[in-house]
Protein backbone atom coordinates (compact mmCIF):
# COMPACT_ATOMS: atom_id res chain seq x y z
CA GLN A 1 5.61 70.19 135.28
CA VAL A 2 8.64 68.42 136.87
CA GLN A 3 11.67 70.68 136.92
CA LEU A 4 15.07 71.08 138.59
CA VAL A 5 16.70 74.42 138.45
CA GLU A 6 20.30 75.20 139.46
CA SER A 7 21.34 78.64 140.47
CA GLY A 8 24.36 80.27 142.33
CA GLY A 9 27.05 79.71 139.84
CA GLY A 10 29.38 82.46 138.68
CA LEU A 11 32.89 83.78 138.34
CA VAL A 12 34.87 83.53 141.60
CA GLN A 13 38.61 83.95 142.60
CA PRO A 14 40.69 81.16 143.89
CA GLY A 15 40.00 80.51 147.50
CA GLY A 16 36.54 82.05 147.21
CA SER A 17 33.11 80.34 147.94
CA LEU A 18 29.88 79.77 146.13
CA ARG A 19 26.71 78.14 147.15
CA LEU A 20 24.80 76.35 144.44
CA SER A 21 21.15 75.68 144.93
CA CYS A 22 18.85 73.19 143.22
CA ALA A 23 15.16 73.94 143.30
CA ALA A 24 12.66 71.22 142.69
CA SER A 25 9.08 71.80 141.40
CA GLY A 26 6.42 69.46 140.30
CA PHE A 27 7.56 66.79 142.84
CA THR A 28 8.77 66.56 146.35
CA LEU A 29 12.51 66.12 146.96
CA ASP A 30 11.94 64.01 150.02
CA GLY A 31 12.52 60.38 149.42
CA TYR A 32 14.91 61.24 146.45
CA SER A 33 18.59 60.75 146.31
CA ILE A 34 20.63 63.93 145.23
CA GLY A 35 23.64 64.30 143.17
CA TRP A 36 25.78 67.23 142.19
CA PHE A 37 27.75 66.45 138.98
CA ARG A 38 30.40 68.52 137.09
CA GLN A 39 31.22 68.55 133.34
CA THR A 40 34.13 70.05 131.77
CA PRO A 41 34.99 70.15 127.95
CA GLY A 42 36.22 66.85 126.75
CA LYS A 43 35.59 64.91 129.85
CA GLU A 44 32.56 62.85 131.04
CA ARG A 45 30.17 64.20 133.65
CA GLU A 46 31.42 63.16 137.03
CA GLY A 47 29.87 62.98 140.45
CA VAL A 48 31.14 65.63 142.94
CA SER A 49 28.92 65.10 145.90
CA CYS A 50 25.88 62.88 146.43
CA MET A 51 23.30 62.40 149.15
CA HIS A 52 21.36 59.24 149.22
CA ASN A 53 17.79 59.41 150.57
CA SER A 54 18.92 57.47 153.57
CA GLY A 55 21.27 60.38 154.57
CA ASP A 56 24.42 58.66 153.40
CA THR A 57 26.79 61.12 151.64
CA LEU A 58 29.67 60.90 149.47
CA TYR A 59 32.37 63.51 148.20
CA SER A 60 34.84 63.03 145.42
CA GLU A 61 38.39 63.11 146.62
CA SER A 62 39.05 66.29 144.69
CA VAL A 63 36.38 68.18 146.87
CA LYS A 64 36.40 66.33 150.25
CA GLY A 65 36.86 68.77 152.99
CA ARG A 66 35.85 71.80 150.82
CA PHE A 67 32.29 70.98 149.60
CA THR A 68 29.15 70.26 151.68
CA ILE A 69 25.98 68.88 150.33
CA THR A 70 22.81 69.64 152.21
CA ARG A 71 19.08 69.43 151.58
CA ASP A 72 16.07 71.50 152.90
CA ASN A 73 12.96 69.29 152.25
CA THR A 74 10.68 72.01 153.65
CA LYS A 75 11.82 74.40 150.96
CA ASN A 76 12.28 71.55 148.27
CA VAL A 77 15.79 72.73 147.58
CA ALA A 78 19.17 70.94 147.71
CA TYR A 79 22.53 73.02 148.11
CA LEU A 80 26.14 72.49 147.41
CA GLN A 81 28.36 74.84 149.59
CA MET A 82 31.75 75.18 147.86
CA ASP A 83 34.65 76.65 149.81
CA SER A 84 38.29 77.14 149.02
CA LEU A 85 37.56 77.06 145.35
CA LYS A 86 40.30 75.89 143.02
CA PRO A 87 40.66 76.61 139.21
CA GLU A 88 40.25 72.85 138.56
CA ASP A 89 36.81 73.19 140.09
CA THR A 90 35.64 75.14 137.06
CA GLY A 91 32.88 73.50 135.01
CA ILE A 92 29.16 73.17 134.54
CA TYR A 93 27.36 71.89 137.72
CA TYR A 94 24.26 69.87 137.38
CA CYS A 95 21.98 68.54 140.07
CA ALA A 96 20.01 65.36 139.53
CA VAL A 97 17.76 63.19 141.55
CA ASP A 98 16.86 59.50 141.81
CA SER A 99 13.99 57.64 143.66
CA ARG A 100 14.91 53.99 143.56
CA ARG A 101 17.92 52.89 141.36
CA TYR A 102 20.89 53.29 143.79
CA SER A 103 21.30 51.96 147.21
CA VAL A 104 24.12 54.19 148.45
CA ALA A 105 25.49 57.59 147.77
CA GLN A 106 28.52 56.10 146.10
CA ASN A 107 26.38 54.52 143.37
CA VAL A 108 24.47 57.77 142.91
CA CYS A 109 27.64 59.59 142.11
CA PHE A 110 29.45 56.98 140.03
CA MET A 111 26.62 55.33 138.28
CA GLY A 112 24.14 58.19 137.85
CA PRO A 113 25.81 59.88 134.80
CA ARG A 114 25.94 56.50 132.93
CA TYR A 115 22.94 54.54 134.00
CA GLY A 116 20.50 57.37 134.60
CA MET A 117 18.82 59.57 137.07
CA ASP A 118 15.11 60.37 137.26
CA TYR A 119 15.56 64.14 136.62
CA TRP A 120 18.38 66.48 135.69
CA GLY A 121 18.72 70.30 135.87
CA ASN A 122 20.13 72.39 133.03
CA GLY A 123 23.26 73.22 134.85
CA THR A 124 24.97 76.24 136.24
CA GLN A 125 28.48 77.49 135.26
CA VAL A 126 31.18 77.85 137.84
CA THR A 127 34.49 79.54 136.80
CA VAL A 128 37.28 79.84 139.19
CA SER A 129 39.90 82.17 137.89
CA SER A 130 42.00 85.18 139.01
């Protein structure tokens, strides 16, 4: 059974850190582009950070310098390290993967929510509040 499962979300104070994990099962992450997306009430799902399978990475302007996307193909897991968290980082974070649609990380992030990804996780809630 193909599955993506996010974990690591929670409640954190402003300035704190969280590390989200995206564990894949039923398939191998190697060869897939990975995206982390955030959704908040009333807003469309947006790309936060993406890594093309070529290694090309992209961060949204709002998280650049604070978030880091990585992957460990030997463990079949992707990560999003989130530092210096702000209240506006609050939302549900989803990971998703794509094998062939997009040629660069920018397209994974900007086109993925609208034109599709191969698989999506169910999301993990991140709340940044004092």
